[in-house]
Structure formats: C-alpha cells, structure tokens
Protein backbone atom coordinates (compact mmCIF):
# COMPACT_ATOMS: atom_id res chain seq x y z
CA UNK A 1 -14.13 20.26 16.46
CA UNK A 2 -13.29 17.51 19.16
CA UNK A 3 -16.81 16.14 18.50
CA UNK A 4 -16.25 16.21 14.79
CA UNK A 5 -12.84 14.32 14.83
CA UNK A 6 -14.69 11.78 17.39
CA UNK A 7 -17.84 11.45 14.76
CA UNK A 8 -15.46 11.02 12.00
CA UNK A 9 -12.63 8.70 13.21
CA UNK A 10 -13.86 7.21 16.70
CA UNK A 11 -12.03 7.79 19.74
CA UNK A 12 -8.51 8.46 19.90
CA UNK A 13 -6.34 5.46 20.78
CA UNK A 14 -4.57 5.61 24.20
CA UNK A 15 -0.87 6.20 23.97
CA UNK A 16 1.39 7.93 21.56
CA UNK A 17 1.09 6.26 18.13
CA UNK A 18 4.42 7.01 17.19
CA UNK A 19 6.47 6.13 20.54
CA UNK A 20 7.73 2.28 19.16
CA UNK A 21 8.88 4.15 16.07
CA UNK A 22 12.82 3.72 15.74
CA UNK A 23 14.77 7.04 15.41
CA UNK A 24 16.03 6.54 11.91
CA UNK A 25 12.52 5.98 11.04
CA UNK A 26 11.12 8.25 7.83
CA UNK A 27 8.72 9.70 9.67
CA UNK A 28 11.09 10.18 12.42
CA UNK A 29 14.31 11.62 10.82
CA UNK A 30 14.45 13.84 7.50
CA UNK A 31 17.57 16.02 6.87
CA UNK A 32 15.82 19.76 6.98
CA UNK A 33 18.78 21.08 4.24
CA UNK A 34 17.88 18.49 1.72
CA UNK A 35 17.08 19.75 -1.70
CA UNK A 36 13.12 20.52 -1.60
CA UNK A 37 11.00 18.34 -3.38
CA UNK A 38 8.48 20.09 -5.84
CA UNK A 39 5.71 20.52 -3.28
CA UNK A 40 7.89 21.91 -0.62
CA UNK A 41 9.47 24.23 -2.88
CA UNK A 42 5.82 25.92 -3.86
CA UNK A 43 5.22 26.22 0.04
CA UNK A 44 8.75 27.72 0.24
CA UNK A 45 7.63 30.16 -2.38
CA UNK A 46 5.03 31.44 -0.14
CA UNK A 47 7.42 31.90 3.11
CA UNK A 48 8.61 35.17 3.67
CA UNK A 49 12.08 36.17 6.06
CA UNK A 50 9.85 37.85 8.52
CA UNK A 51 7.07 34.77 9.08
CA UNK A 52 6.24 33.24 11.82
CA UNK A 53 4.81 29.69 10.45
CA UNK A 54 2.74 27.56 12.90
CA UNK A 55 2.64 24.05 11.97
CA UNK A 56 -0.56 22.17 13.43
CA UNK A 57 0.50 18.40 14.25
CA UNK A 58 4.29 19.01 12.63
CA UNK A 59 5.75 15.84 13.82
CA UNK A 60 9.41 15.63 13.32
CA UNK A 61 9.72 18.45 11.25
CA UNK A 62 9.72 17.18 7.76
CA UNK A 63 7.70 20.10 6.35
CA UNK A 64 8.43 22.85 8.51
CA UNK A 65 11.78 22.49 9.17
CA UNK A 66 13.36 23.08 5.78
CA UNK A 67 11.05 26.67 6.00
CA UNK A 68 12.89 27.27 9.50
CA UNK A 69 15.75 27.82 6.98
CA UNK A 70 13.53 30.21 5.15
CA UNK A 71 11.65 32.56 7.94
CA UNK A 72 11.63 34.13 11.29
CA UNK A 73 10.45 31.15 13.56
CA UNK A 74 8.55 27.79 13.70
CA UNK A 75 6.40 26.68 15.82
CA UNK A 76 5.34 23.19 16.03
CA UNK A 77 2.31 22.28 18.03
CA UNK A 78 2.44 18.51 17.92
CA UNK A 79 0.89 16.20 20.91
CA UNK A 80 3.54 13.35 19.97
CA UNK A 81 6.11 13.06 22.48
CA UNK A 82 8.13 10.85 20.07
CA UNK A 83 7.68 13.41 17.06
CA UNK A 84 8.33 15.79 19.19
CA UNK A 85 11.88 14.28 20.25
CA UNK A 86 12.26 13.83 16.57
CA UNK A 87 11.53 17.30 16.06
CA UNK A 88 13.99 18.46 18.64
CA UNK A 89 16.55 16.05 17.47
CA UNK A 90 16.23 16.93 13.55
CA UNK A 91 16.38 20.73 14.63
CA UNK A 92 19.39 20.24 16.72
CA UNK A 93 20.78 18.06 14.38
CA UNK A 94 20.94 20.41 11.17
CA UNK A 95 21.52 23.62 13.38
CA UNK A 96 18.36 25.35 13.53
CA UNK A 97 17.55 27.55 16.40
CA UNK A 98 14.50 29.19 15.24
CA UNK A 99 12.15 26.05 15.81
CA UNK A 100 10.27 25.33 19.07
CA UNK A 101 7.68 22.92 20.04
CA UNK A 102 4.37 22.86 21.94
CA UNK A 103 4.04 19.49 23.23
CA UNK A 104 -0.02 19.85 22.91
CA UNK A 105 -2.62 18.43 21.24
CA UNK A 106 -3.70 21.67 18.95
CA UNK A 107 -7.42 21.45 20.02
CA UNK A 108 -6.68 22.18 23.80
CA UNK A 109 -3.44 24.75 23.29
CA UNK A 110 -3.67 28.55 23.48
CA UNK A 111 -3.15 29.54 20.00
CA UNK A 112 0.32 30.24 19.07
CA UNK A 113 0.59 33.82 17.16
CA UNK A 114 1.71 33.08 13.52
CA UNK A 115 1.57 34.53 10.11
CA UNK A 116 1.32 31.17 8.31
CA UNK A 117 -0.20 28.29 9.42
CA UNK A 118 0.43 24.96 7.99
CA UNK A 119 -2.10 21.93 8.49
CA UNK A 120 -2.25 18.28 7.37
CA UNK A 121 -5.33 16.37 7.83
CA UNK A 122 -7.09 18.51 10.23
CA UNK A 123 -9.40 20.84 7.91
CA UNK A 124 -13.10 20.63 8.16
CA UNK A 125 -14.61 17.80 6.17
CA UNK A 126 -15.66 20.55 3.15
CA UNK A 127 -12.46 21.21 2.63
CA UNK A 128 -12.88 24.94 4.11
CA UNK A 129 -9.97 26.18 6.20
CA UNK A 130 -12.12 26.70 9.36
CA UNK A 131 -10.20 24.60 11.75
CA UNK A 132 -6.60 26.35 11.50
CA UNK A 133 -7.91 29.87 11.05
CA UNK A 134 -9.64 29.44 14.15
CA UNK A 135 -6.45 27.98 16.10
CA UNK A 136 -4.79 30.93 14.96
CA UNK A 137 -7.75 33.85 15.40
CA UNK A 138 -6.73 37.03 16.08
CA UNK A 139 -3.14 36.27 15.76
CA UNK A 140 -2.87 38.01 12.16
CA UNK A 141 -2.40 34.73 10.11
CA UNK A 142 -2.02 35.78 6.66
CA UNK A 143 -2.18 32.69 4.51
CA UNK A 144 -2.90 28.71 5.60
CA UNK A 145 -1.22 26.37 3.75
CA UNK A 146 -2.82 23.18 3.24
CA UNK A 147 -0.80 19.63 2.68
CA UNK A 148 -2.62 16.89 1.12
CA UNK A 149 -1.43 13.48 1.41
CA UNK A 150 -0.02 11.85 -1.91
CA UNK A 151 -3.04 11.18 -4.09
CA UNK A 152 -4.90 14.00 -3.40
CA UNK A 153 -5.55 17.15 -5.00
CA UNK A 154 -3.56 19.66 -3.12
CA UNK A 155 -4.92 23.32 -2.76
CA UNK A 156 -3.76 26.60 -1.17
CA UNK A 157 -5.72 28.71 0.64
CA UNK A 158 -5.44 32.30 0.91
CA UNK A 159 -7.05 34.25 3.75
CA UNK A 160 -6.77 38.08 4.29
CA UNK A 161 -5.38 39.47 7.32
C-alpha cells in the first residue's frame, strides 16, 4: 500500500502537516457531545454498545469521539502528533475515557483488534475496502464504514465476520 500511496500522491511531505494549526481550529477541536449531523447519525445507527471502533487516521476525533459515547472503545490510529494532541484534548474535555490513541502511521502499526473500522481517504482506488480490512485482518472486523469528503458519493461497506 505504501507503493500505491506514493504512486498516487507522491512522497509524503516531511514533518507534521497539522503542526501549525491553532488548538481552536475546526480540524483540531470539535465537541463530541454536539448534536449529530445527518451523516454521523447514519454511522452511529450501525454502532452497538459492545463495539470497538478502529478509526484509521481519525485526526482529532471529530467522527470517532461522538461514537465513543455509544460503544465500548474507540482506537484512533493517527500519525500526526498535533492531531493526536487534539484527540486527547477533545476526549479529556468531554470526559470520554474509553478512547485511546495509537500514534503511528497505519501502514506500519500492528493492527488493533476491533469490530468496526472507520476509514477516510485510504481505500483502494477501485473503491473496494481492501486497505482497512487488511489492517484489521484476523481481528473480527464486522463492518467497515467508509466516510467520503463532501460532494462525493458515500458508501457503507459490510463485511462478514
């Protein structure tokens, strides 16, 4: 996958792309207890109380932290130190204790065990969910929920356990 990412996007720029953002920037700060927008409501409808969500590149937790209020645990695999700090700050400020951060590139980390994988901008170019399923292979992933940027057609993928 690293070869594919390099071919499609070029070499990864050095440093943390989010390091210069202020802590109150919308990418860094979001209230997990806010009312859910329609897309997040749909994702939340798939979450069960015993789920362990693996959020691949989950940033500051804008999507996964509201879901942490509805599941057993959220594991955010995030390579950006700045985004990771935002994730911890947002979780702490909201009193969320069932969220943990794995500060690493998802291509190099040992796959965390989970029942749901949230992924954004990391699927194979043909739209099939190879990447997140490979990330969590053998760890009982039940469903993979794919988020698309605004303006893109969204899709939910279901995998069998």
